[in-house]
Amino acid sequence: MFRRFTLAGSFLLLLMLLPSWVWAAGQKATELVVVADTRGLSGLNLYLANLYNENLWLFATWAVVLTTVLGVGLGVIMDFIMKRTGIDLTSRKIVEH
């Protein structure tokens, strides 16, 4: 019985590894360059696309800063809306009726 499970497990393992073997059979891409297409862009989009193409570290820094600022802004706006509807999220007191 154990031998059947071992044989079946080995067969399933080979089936799972087959796609990776097929993909690994091709030639390696040595001259792969990833760039953002800047045609038709203007303003902030053009700046960010050029920044991505020229300085990836500064682009990543801007992405982290902008994500943080937008997240905090969304949190403040939602807190304001929830306070206006009567839900106070800043109070830690549990009120039971």
PDB file of N, CA and C in Angstrom:
ATOM      1  N   MET A   1       0.827  -1.195   0.000  1.00  0.00           N
ATOM      2  CA  MET A   1       0.000   0.000   0.000  1.00  0.00           C
ATOM      3  C   MET A   1       0.871   1.259   0.000  1.00  0.00           C
ATOM      4  N   PHE A   2       1.909   1.264   0.831  1.00  0.00           N
ATOM      5  CA  PHE A   2       2.808   2.404   0.903  1.00  0.00           C
ATOM      6  C   PHE A   2       3.530   2.611  -0.428  1.00  0.00           C
ATOM      7  N   ARG A   3       3.861   1.497  -1.099  1.00  0.00           N
ATOM      8  CA  ARG A   3       4.545   1.588  -2.382  1.00  0.00           C
ATOM      9  C   ARG A   3       3.669   2.258  -3.430  1.00  0.00           C
ATOM     10  N   ARG A   4       2.357   2.002  -3.393  1.00  0.00           N
ATOM     11  CA  ARG A   4       1.439   2.653  -4.332  1.00  0.00           C
ATOM     12  C   ARG A   4       1.414   4.161  -4.105  1.00  0.00           C
ATOM     13  N   PHE A   5       1.379   4.563  -2.822  1.00  0.00           N
ATOM     14  CA  PHE A   5       1.376   5.994  -2.529  1.00  0.00           C
ATOM     15  C   PHE A   5       2.684   6.649  -2.965  1.00  0.00           C
ATOM     16  N   THR A   6       3.788   5.947  -2.773  1.00  0.00           N
ATOM     17  CA  THR A   6       5.079   6.470  -3.182  1.00  0.00           C
ATOM     18  C   THR A   6       5.151   6.597  -4.692  1.00  0.00           C
ATOM     19  N   LEU A   7       4.674   5.604  -5.397  1.00  0.00           N
ATOM     20  CA  LEU A   7       4.676   5.640  -6.855  1.00  0.00           C
ATOM     21  C   LEU A   7       3.749   6.738  -7.371  1.00  0.00           C
ATOM     22  N   ALA A   8       2.562   6.855  -6.780  1.00  0.00           N
ATOM     23  CA  ALA A   8       1.616   7.892  -7.193  1.00  0.00           C
ATOM     24  C   ALA A   8       2.171   9.279  -6.871  1.00  0.00           C
ATOM     25  N   GLY A   9       2.807   9.413  -5.700  1.00  0.00           N
ATOM     26  CA  GLY A   9       3.398  10.696  -5.330  1.00  0.00           C
ATOM     27  C   GLY A   9       4.531  11.085  -6.257  1.00  0.00           C
ATOM     28  N   SER A  10       5.348  10.134  -6.644  1.00  0.00           N
ATOM     29  CA  SER A  10       6.442  10.410  -7.579  1.00  0.00           C
ATOM     30  C   SER A  10       5.899  10.828  -8.934  1.00  0.00           C
ATOM     31  N   PHE A  11       4.845  10.171  -9.383  1.00  0.00           N
ATOM     32  CA  PHE A  11       4.235  10.516 -10.666  1.00  0.00           C
ATOM     33  C   PHE A  11       3.651  11.924 -10.626  1.00  0.00           C
ATOM     34  N   LEU A  12       2.963  12.270  -9.526  1.00  0.00           N
ATOM     35  CA  LEU A  12       2.391  13.617  -9.400  1.00  0.00           C
ATOM     36  C   LEU A  12       3.489  14.671  -9.319  1.00  0.00           C
ATOM     37  N   LEU A  13       4.581  14.366  -8.648  1.00  0.00           N
ATOM     38  CA  LEU A  13       5.701  15.291  -8.583  1.00  0.00           C
ATOM     39  C   LEU A  13       6.280  15.543  -9.969  1.00  0.00           C
ATOM     40  N   LEU A  14       6.438  14.492 -10.756  1.00  0.00           N
ATOM     41  CA  LEU A  14       6.939  14.662 -12.119  1.00  0.00           C
ATOM     42  C   LEU A  14       5.978  15.497 -12.959  1.00  0.00           C
ATOM     43  N   LEU A  15       4.677  15.277 -12.777  1.00  0.00           N
ATOM     44  CA  LEU A  15       3.699  16.079 -13.515  1.00  0.00           C
ATOM     45  C   LEU A  15       3.760  17.547 -13.118  1.00  0.00           C
ATOM     46  N   MET A  16       3.997  17.815 -11.840  1.00  0.00           N
ATOM     47  CA  MET A  16       4.083  19.203 -11.394  1.00  0.00           C
ATOM     48  C   MET A  16       5.367  19.868 -11.874  1.00  0.00           C
ATOM     49  N   LEU A  17       6.435  19.141 -12.016  1.00  0.00           N
ATOM     50  CA  LEU A  17       7.707  19.711 -12.459  1.00  0.00           C
ATOM     51  C   LEU A  17       7.793  19.856 -13.972  1.00  0.00           C
ATOM     52  N   LEU A  18       6.948  19.178 -14.703  1.00  0.00           N
ATOM     53  CA  LEU A  18       7.006  19.210 -16.164  1.00  0.00           C
ATOM     54  C   LEU A  18       6.913  20.620 -16.749  1.00  0.00           C
ATOM     55  N   PRO A  19       5.975  21.488 -16.317  1.00  0.00           N
ATOM     56  CA  PRO A  19       5.932  22.835 -16.902  1.00  0.00           C
ATOM     57  C   PRO A  19       7.207  23.631 -16.682  1.00  0.00           C
ATOM     58  N   SER A  20       7.842  23.510 -15.504  1.00  0.00           N
ATOM     59  CA  SER A  20       9.074  24.255 -15.268  1.00  0.00           C
ATOM     60  C   SER A  20      10.202  23.737 -16.160  1.00  0.00           C
ATOM     61  N   TRP A  21      10.223  22.449 -16.422  1.00  0.00           N
ATOM     62  CA  TRP A  21      11.235  21.906 -17.319  1.00  0.00           C
ATOM     63  C   TRP A  21      11.032  22.407 -18.749  1.00  0.00           C
ATOM     64  N   VAL A  22       9.782  22.515 -19.164  1.00  0.00           N
ATOM     65  CA  VAL A  22       9.501  22.986 -20.522  1.00  0.00           C
ATOM     66  C   VAL A  22       9.915  24.439 -20.672  1.00  0.00           C
ATOM     67  N   TRP A  23       9.598  25.282 -19.675  1.00  0.00           N
ATOM     68  CA  TRP A  23       9.981  26.693 -19.758  1.00  0.00           C
ATOM     69  C   TRP A  23      11.495  26.853 -19.676  1.00  0.00           C
ATOM     70  N   ALA A  24      12.165  26.009 -18.932  1.00  0.00           N
ATOM     71  CA  ALA A  24      13.605  26.137 -18.770  1.00  0.00           C
ATOM     72  C   ALA A  24      14.367  25.648 -19.998  1.00  0.00           C
ATOM     73  N   ALA A  25      13.680  25.028 -20.943  1.00  0.00           N
ATOM     74  CA  ALA A  25      14.368  24.458 -22.096  1.00  0.00           C
ATOM     75  C   ALA A  25      14.772  25.510 -23.122  1.00  0.00           C
ATOM     76  N   GLY A  26      14.195  26.705 -23.070  1.00  0.00           N
ATOM     77  CA  GLY A  26      14.492  27.735 -24.065  1.00  0.00           C
ATOM     78  C   GLY A  26      15.819  28.427 -23.821  1.00  0.00           C
ATOM     79  N   GLN A  27      16.172  29.290 -24.747  1.00  0.00           N
ATOM     80  CA  GLN A  27      17.396  30.065 -24.625  1.00  0.00           C
ATOM     81  C   GLN A  27      17.228  31.142 -23.562  1.00  0.00           C
ATOM     82  N   LYS A  28      18.313  31.472 -22.888  1.00  0.00           N
ATOM     83  CA  LYS A  28      18.270  32.529 -21.881  1.00  0.00           C
ATOM     84  C   LYS A  28      18.211  33.882 -22.562  1.00  0.00           C
ATOM     85  N   ALA A  29      17.404  34.775 -21.994  1.00  0.00           N
ATOM     86  CA  ALA A  29      17.303  36.134 -22.499  1.00  0.00           C
ATOM     87  C   ALA A  29      18.390  36.966 -21.841  1.00  0.00           C
ATOM     88  N   THR A  30      19.442  37.262 -22.581  1.00  0.00           N
ATOM     89  CA  THR A  30      20.552  37.994 -21.998  1.00  0.00           C
ATOM     90  C   THR A  30      20.426  39.501 -22.195  1.00  0.00           C
ATOM     91  N   GLU A  31      19.788  39.926 -23.245  1.00  0.00           N
ATOM     92  CA  GLU A  31      19.683  41.351 -23.561  1.00  0.00           C
ATOM     93  C   GLU A  31      18.267  41.863 -23.345  1.00  0.00           C
ATOM     94  N   LEU A  32      17.672  41.532 -22.219  1.00  0.00           N
ATOM     95  CA  LEU A  32      16.305  41.941 -21.927  1.00  0.00           C
ATOM     96  C   LEU A  32      16.319  43.305 -21.245  1.00  0.00           C
ATOM     97  N   VAL A  33      15.599  44.280 -21.835  1.00  0.00           N
ATOM     98  CA  VAL A  33      15.520  45.624 -21.282  1.00  0.00           C
ATOM     99  C   VAL A  33      14.051  45.972 -21.129  1.00  0.00           C
ATOM    100  N   VAL A  34      13.659  46.379 -19.917  1.00  0.00           N
ATOM    101  CA  VAL A  34      12.274  46.757 -19.656  1.00  0.00           C
ATOM    102  C   VAL A  34      12.223  48.260 -19.497  1.00  0.00           C
ATOM    103  N   VAL A  35      11.436  48.915 -20.352  1.00  0.00           N
ATOM    104  CA  VAL A  35      11.279  50.368 -20.289  1.00  0.00           C
ATOM    105  C   VAL A  35       9.795  50.709 -20.389  1.00  0.00           C
ATOM    106  N   ALA A  36       9.449  51.874 -19.864  1.00  0.00           N
ATOM    107  CA  ALA A  36       8.086  52.373 -19.969  1.00  0.00           C
ATOM    108  C   ALA A  36       7.943  53.157 -21.271  1.00  0.00           C
ATOM    109  N   ASP A  37       6.836  52.964 -21.956  1.00  0.00           N
ATOM    110  CA  ASP A  37       6.565  53.676 -23.201  1.00  0.00           C
ATOM    111  C   ASP A  37       6.081  55.080 -22.859  1.00  0.00           C
ATOM    112  N   THR A  38       6.812  56.094 -23.309  1.00  0.00           N
ATOM    113  CA  THR A  38       6.477  57.477 -22.972  1.00  0.00           C
ATOM    114  C   THR A  38       5.747  58.205 -24.091  1.00  0.00           C
ATOM    115  N   ARG A  39       5.446  57.512 -25.158  1.00  0.00           N
ATOM    116  CA  ARG A  39       4.723  58.172 -26.248  1.00  0.00           C
ATOM    117  C   ARG A  39       3.302  58.507 -25.808  1.00  0.00           C
ATOM    118  N   GLY A  40       2.887  59.723 -26.035  1.00  0.00           N
ATOM    119  CA  GLY A  40       1.530  60.132 -25.715  1.00  0.00           C
ATOM    120  C   GLY A  40       1.315  60.489 -24.252  1.00  0.00           C
ATOM    121  N   LEU A  41       2.371  60.513 -23.464  1.00  0.00           N
ATOM    122  CA  LEU A  41       2.231  60.878 -22.051  1.00  0.00           C
ATOM    123  C   LEU A  41       2.583  62.338 -21.860  1.00  0.00           C
ATOM    124  N   SER A  42       2.014  62.939 -20.827  1.00  0.00           N
ATOM    125  CA  SER A  42       2.358  64.318 -20.487  1.00  0.00           C
ATOM    126  C   SER A  42       2.199  64.516 -18.997  1.00  0.00           C
ATOM    127  N   GLY A  43       2.803  65.588 -18.503  1.00  0.00           N
ATOM    128  CA  GLY A  43       2.652  65.951 -17.105  1.00  0.00           C
ATOM    129  C   GLY A  43       3.312  64.960 -16.158  1.00  0.00           C
ATOM    130  N   LEU A  44       2.595  64.637 -15.082  1.00  0.00           N
ATOM    131  CA  LEU A  44       3.118  63.757 -14.045  1.00  0.00           C
ATOM    132  C   LEU A  44       3.375  62.346 -14.576  1.00  0.00           C
ATOM    133  N   ASN A  45       2.513  61.872 -15.477  1.00  0.00           N
ATOM    134  CA  ASN A  45       2.716  60.537 -16.052  1.00  0.00           C
ATOM    135  C   ASN A  45       4.026  60.463 -16.834  1.00  0.00           C
ATOM    136  N   LEU A  46       4.334  61.505 -17.592  1.00  0.00           N
ATOM    137  CA  LEU A  46       5.589  61.537 -18.346  1.00  0.00           C
ATOM    138  C   LEU A  46       6.785  61.583 -17.397  1.00  0.00           C
ATOM    139  N   TYR A  47       6.670  62.392 -16.342  1.00  0.00           N
ATOM    140  CA  TYR A  47       7.755  62.473 -15.360  1.00  0.00           C
ATOM    141  C   TYR A  47       8.011  61.106 -14.725  1.00  0.00           C
ATOM    142  N   LEU A  48       6.948  60.433 -14.293  1.00  0.00           N
ATOM    143  CA  LEU A  48       7.123  59.142 -13.640  1.00  0.00           C
ATOM    144  C   LEU A  48       7.640  58.083 -14.611  1.00  0.00           C
ATOM    145  N   ALA A  49       7.176  58.100 -15.854  1.00  0.00           N
ATOM    146  CA  ALA A  49       7.662  57.132 -16.843  1.00  0.00           C
ATOM    147  C   ALA A  49       9.144  57.364 -17.140  1.00  0.00           C
ATOM    148  N   ASN A  50       9.539  58.619 -17.303  1.00  0.00           N
ATOM    149  CA  ASN A  50      10.960  58.917 -17.526  1.00  0.00           C
ATOM    150  C   ASN A  50      11.796  58.560 -16.309  1.00  0.00           C
ATOM    151  N   LEU A  51      11.249  58.810 -15.134  1.00  0.00           N
ATOM    152  CA  LEU A  51      11.953  58.451 -13.909  1.00  0.00           C
ATOM    153  C   LEU A  51      12.140  56.944 -13.817  1.00  0.00           C
ATOM    154  N   TYR A  52      11.121  56.170 -14.204  1.00  0.00           N
ATOM    155  CA  TYR A  52      11.234  54.706 -14.220  1.00  0.00           C
ATOM    156  C   TYR A  52      12.320  54.254 -15.194  1.00  0.00           C
ATOM    157  N   ASN A  53      12.387  54.898 -16.335  1.00  0.00           N
ATOM    158  CA  ASN A  53      13.369  54.511 -17.351  1.00  0.00           C
ATOM    159  C   ASN A  53      14.798  54.895 -16.957  1.00  0.00           C
ATOM    160  N   GLU A  54      14.954  56.019 -16.240  1.00  0.00           N
ATOM    161  CA  GLU A  54      16.290  56.539 -15.992  1.00  0.00           C
ATOM    162  C   GLU A  54      16.836  56.244 -14.596  1.00  0.00           C
ATOM    163  N   ASN A  55      15.989  56.287 -13.566  1.00  0.00           N
ATOM    164  CA  ASN A  55      16.474  56.129 -12.197  1.00  0.00           C
ATOM    165  C   ASN A  55      15.450  55.318 -11.410  1.00  0.00           C
ATOM    166  N   LEU A  56      15.643  54.017 -11.363  1.00  0.00           N
ATOM    167  CA  LEU A  56      14.672  53.119 -10.741  1.00  0.00           C
ATOM    168  C   LEU A  56      14.604  53.306  -9.230  1.00  0.00           C
ATOM    169  N   TRP A  57      15.717  53.654  -8.588  1.00  0.00           N
ATOM    170  CA  TRP A  57      15.713  53.859  -7.133  1.00  0.00           C
ATOM    171  C   TRP A  57      14.874  55.068  -6.756  1.00  0.00           C
ATOM    172  N   LEU A  58      15.012  56.160  -7.486  1.00  0.00           N
ATOM    173  CA  LEU A  58      14.212  57.348  -7.195  1.00  0.00           C
ATOM    174  C   LEU A  58      12.737  57.089  -7.495  1.00  0.00           C
ATOM    175  N   PHE A  59      12.458  56.327  -8.545  1.00  0.00           N
ATOM    176  CA  PHE A  59      11.077  55.952  -8.857  1.00  0.00           C
ATOM    177  C   PHE A  59      10.478  55.136  -7.722  1.00  0.00           C
ATOM    178  N   ALA A  60      11.230  54.188  -7.179  1.00  0.00           N
ATOM    179  CA  ALA A  60      10.733  53.369  -6.075  1.00  0.00           C
ATOM    180  C   ALA A  60      10.497  54.225  -4.835  1.00  0.00           C
ATOM    181  N   THR A  61      11.374  55.185  -4.589  1.00  0.00           N
ATOM    182  CA  THR A  61      11.198  56.080  -3.445  1.00  0.00           C
ATOM    183  C   THR A  61       9.929  56.905  -3.600  1.00  0.00           C
ATOM    184  N   TRP A  62       9.717  57.459  -4.786  1.00  0.00           N
ATOM    185  CA  TRP A  62       8.489  58.212  -5.052  1.00  0.00           C
ATOM    186  C   TRP A  62       7.257  57.329  -4.904  1.00  0.00           C
ATOM    187  N   ALA A  63       7.334  56.101  -5.350  1.00  0.00           N
ATOM    188  CA  ALA A  63       6.193  55.189  -5.244  1.00  0.00           C
ATOM    189  C   ALA A  63       5.846  54.928  -3.781  1.00  0.00           C
ATOM    190  N   VAL A  64       6.852  54.728  -2.946  1.00  0.00           N
ATOM    191  CA  VAL A  64       6.606  54.490  -1.519  1.00  0.00           C
ATOM    192  C   VAL A  64       6.027  55.740  -0.866  1.00  0.00           C
ATOM    193  N   VAL A  65       6.592  56.898  -1.170  1.00  0.00           N
ATOM    194  CA  VAL A  65       6.111  58.147  -0.575  1.00  0.00           C
ATOM    195  C   VAL A  65       4.678  58.444  -1.009  1.00  0.00           C
ATOM    196  N   LEU A  66       4.405  58.322  -2.295  1.00  0.00           N
ATOM    197  CA  LEU A  66       3.058  58.614  -2.783  1.00  0.00           C
ATOM    198  C   LEU A  66       2.027  57.620  -2.256  1.00  0.00           C
ATOM    199  N   THR A  67       2.398  56.359  -2.150  1.00  0.00           N
ATOM    200  CA  THR A  67       1.481  55.360  -1.598  1.00  0.00           C
ATOM    201  C   THR A  67       1.156  55.679  -0.143  1.00  0.00           C
ATOM    202  N   THR A  68       2.167  56.084   0.615  1.00  0.00           N
ATOM    203  CA  THR A  68       1.949  56.440   2.016  1.00  0.00           C
ATOM    204  C   THR A  68       1.059  57.671   2.146  1.00  0.00           C
ATOM    205  N   VAL A  69       1.350  58.698   1.369  1.00  0.00           N
ATOM    206  CA  VAL A  69       0.561  59.933   1.438  1.00  0.00           C
ATOM    207  C   VAL A  69      -0.886  59.675   1.029  1.00  0.00           C
ATOM    208  N   LEU A  70      -1.086  58.931  -0.038  1.00  0.00           N
ATOM    209  CA  LEU A  70      -2.457  58.644  -0.472  1.00  0.00           C
ATOM    210  C   LEU A  70      -3.193  57.775   0.541  1.00  0.00           C
ATOM    211  N   GLY A  71      -2.514  56.833   1.174  1.00  0.00           N
ATOM    212  CA  GLY A  71      -3.138  56.002   2.193  1.00  0.00           C
ATOM    213  C   GLY A  71      -3.547  56.801   3.416  1.00  0.00           C
ATOM    214  N   VAL A  72      -2.657  57.691   3.871  1.00  0.00           N
ATOM    215  CA  VAL A  72      -2.991  58.547   5.018  1.00  0.00           C
ATOM    216  C   VAL A  72      -4.138  59.483   4.656  1.00  0.00           C
ATOM    217  N   GLY A  73      -4.094  60.050   3.458  1.00  0.00           N
ATOM    218  CA  GLY A  73      -5.176  60.936   3.024  1.00  0.00           C
ATOM    219  C   GLY A  73      -6.516  60.221   2.980  1.00  0.00           C
ATOM    220  N   LEU A  74      -6.527  59.027   2.446  1.00  0.00           N
ATOM    221  CA  LEU A  74      -7.763  58.250   2.388  1.00  0.00           C
ATOM    222  C   LEU A  74      -8.253  57.914   3.790  1.00  0.00           C
ATOM    223  N   GLY A  75      -7.340  57.596   4.699  1.00  0.00           N
ATOM    224  CA  GLY A  75      -7.721  57.301   6.081  1.00  0.00           C
ATOM    225  C   GLY A  75      -8.331  58.507   6.773  1.00  0.00           C
ATOM    226  N   VAL A  76      -7.733  59.681   6.577  1.00  0.00           N
ATOM    227  CA  VAL A  76      -8.266  60.904   7.193  1.00  0.00           C
ATOM    228  C   VAL A  76      -9.644  61.230   6.633  1.00  0.00           C
ATOM    229  N   ILE A  77      -9.811  61.099   5.333  1.00  0.00           N
ATOM    230  CA  ILE A  77     -11.119  61.380   4.719  1.00  0.00           C
ATOM    231  C   ILE A  77     -12.173  60.407   5.228  1.00  0.00           C
ATOM    232  N   MET A  78     -11.841  59.131   5.295  1.00  0.00           N
ATOM    233  CA  MET A  78     -12.808  58.140   5.783  1.00  0.00           C
ATOM    234  C   MET A  78     -13.125  58.353   7.261  1.00  0.00           C
ATOM    235  N   ASP A  79     -12.135  58.746   8.065  1.00  0.00           N
ATOM    236  CA  ASP A  79     -12.385  59.046   9.473  1.00  0.00           C
ATOM    237  C   ASP A  79     -13.342  60.224   9.602  1.00  0.00           C
ATOM    238  N   PHE A  80     -13.150  61.253   8.789  1.00  0.00           N
ATOM    239  CA  PHE A  80     -14.042  62.414   8.799  1.00  0.00           C
ATOM    240  C   PHE A  80     -15.467  62.003   8.429  1.00  0.00           C
ATOM    241  N   ILE A  81     -15.592  61.191   7.388  1.00  0.00           N
ATOM    242  CA  ILE A  81     -16.932  60.748   6.957  1.00  0.00           C
ATOM    243  C   ILE A  81     -17.586  59.906   8.042  1.00  0.00           C
ATOM    244  N   MET A  82     -16.835  59.028   8.671  1.00  0.00           N
ATOM    245  CA  MET A  82     -17.417  58.168   9.700  1.00  0.00           C
ATOM    246  C   MET A  82     -17.805  58.968  10.937  1.00  0.00           C
ATOM    247  N   LYS A  83     -17.041  60.000  11.287  1.00  0.00           N
ATOM    248  CA  LYS A  83     -17.425  60.860  12.405  1.00  0.00           C
ATOM    249  C   LYS A  83     -18.714  61.602  12.090  1.00  0.00           C
ATOM    250  N   ARG A  84     -18.859  62.035  10.840  1.00  0.00           N
ATOM    251  CA  ARG A  84     -20.076  62.769  10.447  1.00  0.00           C
ATOM    252  C   ARG A  84     -21.309  61.869  10.493  1.00  0.00           C
ATOM    253  N   THR A  85     -21.122  60.564  10.315  1.00  0.00           N
ATOM    254  CA  THR A  85     -22.255  59.643  10.383  1.00  0.00           C
ATOM    255  C   THR A  85     -22.499  59.119  11.795  1.00  0.00           C
ATOM    256  N   GLY A  86     -21.651  59.545  12.763  1.00  0.00           N
ATOM    257  CA  GLY A  86     -21.879  59.160  14.141  1.00  0.00           C
ATOM    258  C   GLY A  86     -21.022  58.016  14.630  1.00  0.00           C
ATOM    259  N   ILE A  87     -20.095  57.550  13.839  1.00  0.00           N
ATOM    260  CA  ILE A  87     -19.205  56.459  14.246  1.00  0.00           C
ATOM    261  C   ILE A  87     -17.869  57.063  14.629  1.00  0.00           C
ATOM    262  N   ASP A  88     -17.503  56.925  15.913  1.00  0.00           N
ATOM    263  CA  ASP A  88     -16.243  57.474  16.396  1.00  0.00           C
ATOM    264  C   ASP A  88     -15.235  56.341  16.535  1.00  0.00           C
ATOM    265  N   LEU A  89     -14.241  56.328  15.674  1.00  0.00           N
ATOM    266  CA  LEU A  89     -13.240  55.268  15.698  1.00  0.00           C
ATOM    267  C   LEU A  89     -12.077  55.579  16.627  1.00  0.00           C
ATOM    268  N   THR A  90     -11.993  56.815  17.139  1.00  0.00           N
ATOM    269  CA  THR A  90     -10.868  57.183  17.997  1.00  0.00           C
ATOM    270  C   THR A  90     -11.107  56.774  19.444  1.00  0.00           C
ATOM    271  N   SER A  91     -12.350  56.532  19.840  1.00  0.00           N
ATOM    272  CA  SER A  91     -12.663  56.152  21.210  1.00  0.00           C
ATOM    273  C   SER A  91     -12.415  54.669  21.403  1.00  0.00           C
ATOM    274  N   ARG A  92     -11.750  54.316  22.512  1.00  0.00           N
ATOM    275  CA  ARG A  92     -11.477  52.916  22.817  1.00  0.00           C
ATOM    276  C   ARG A  92     -12.487  52.347  23.808  1.00  0.00           C
ATOM    277  N   LYS A  93     -13.446  53.171  24.228  1.00  0.00           N
ATOM    278  CA  LYS A  93     -14.437  52.733  25.188  1.00  0.00           C
ATOM    279  C   LYS A  93     -15.483  51.863  24.494  1.00  0.00           C
ATOM    280  N   ILE A  94     -15.726  50.686  25.054  1.00  0.00           N
ATOM    281  CA  ILE A  94     -16.723  49.784  24.480  1.00  0.00           C
ATOM    282  C   ILE A  94     -18.079  50.117  25.095  1.00  0.00           C
ATOM    283  N   VAL A  95     -19.002  50.431  24.235  1.00  0.00           N
ATOM    284  CA  VAL A  95     -20.351  50.777  24.693  1.00  0.00           C
ATOM    285  C   VAL A  95     -21.285  49.661  24.319  1.00  0.00           C
ATOM    286  N   GLU A  96     -21.945  49.112  25.322  1.00  0.00           N
ATOM    287  CA  GLU A  96     -22.931  48.063  25.079  1.00  0.00           C
ATOM    288  C   GLU A  96     -24.299  48.574  25.481  1.00  0.00           C
ATOM    289  N   HIS A  97     -25.283  48.276  24.704  1.00  0.00           N
ATOM    290  CA  HIS A  97     -26.640  48.742  24.984  1.00  0.00           C
ATOM    291  C   HIS A  97     -27.460  47.648  25.585  1.00  0.00           C
TER     292      HIS A  97
END
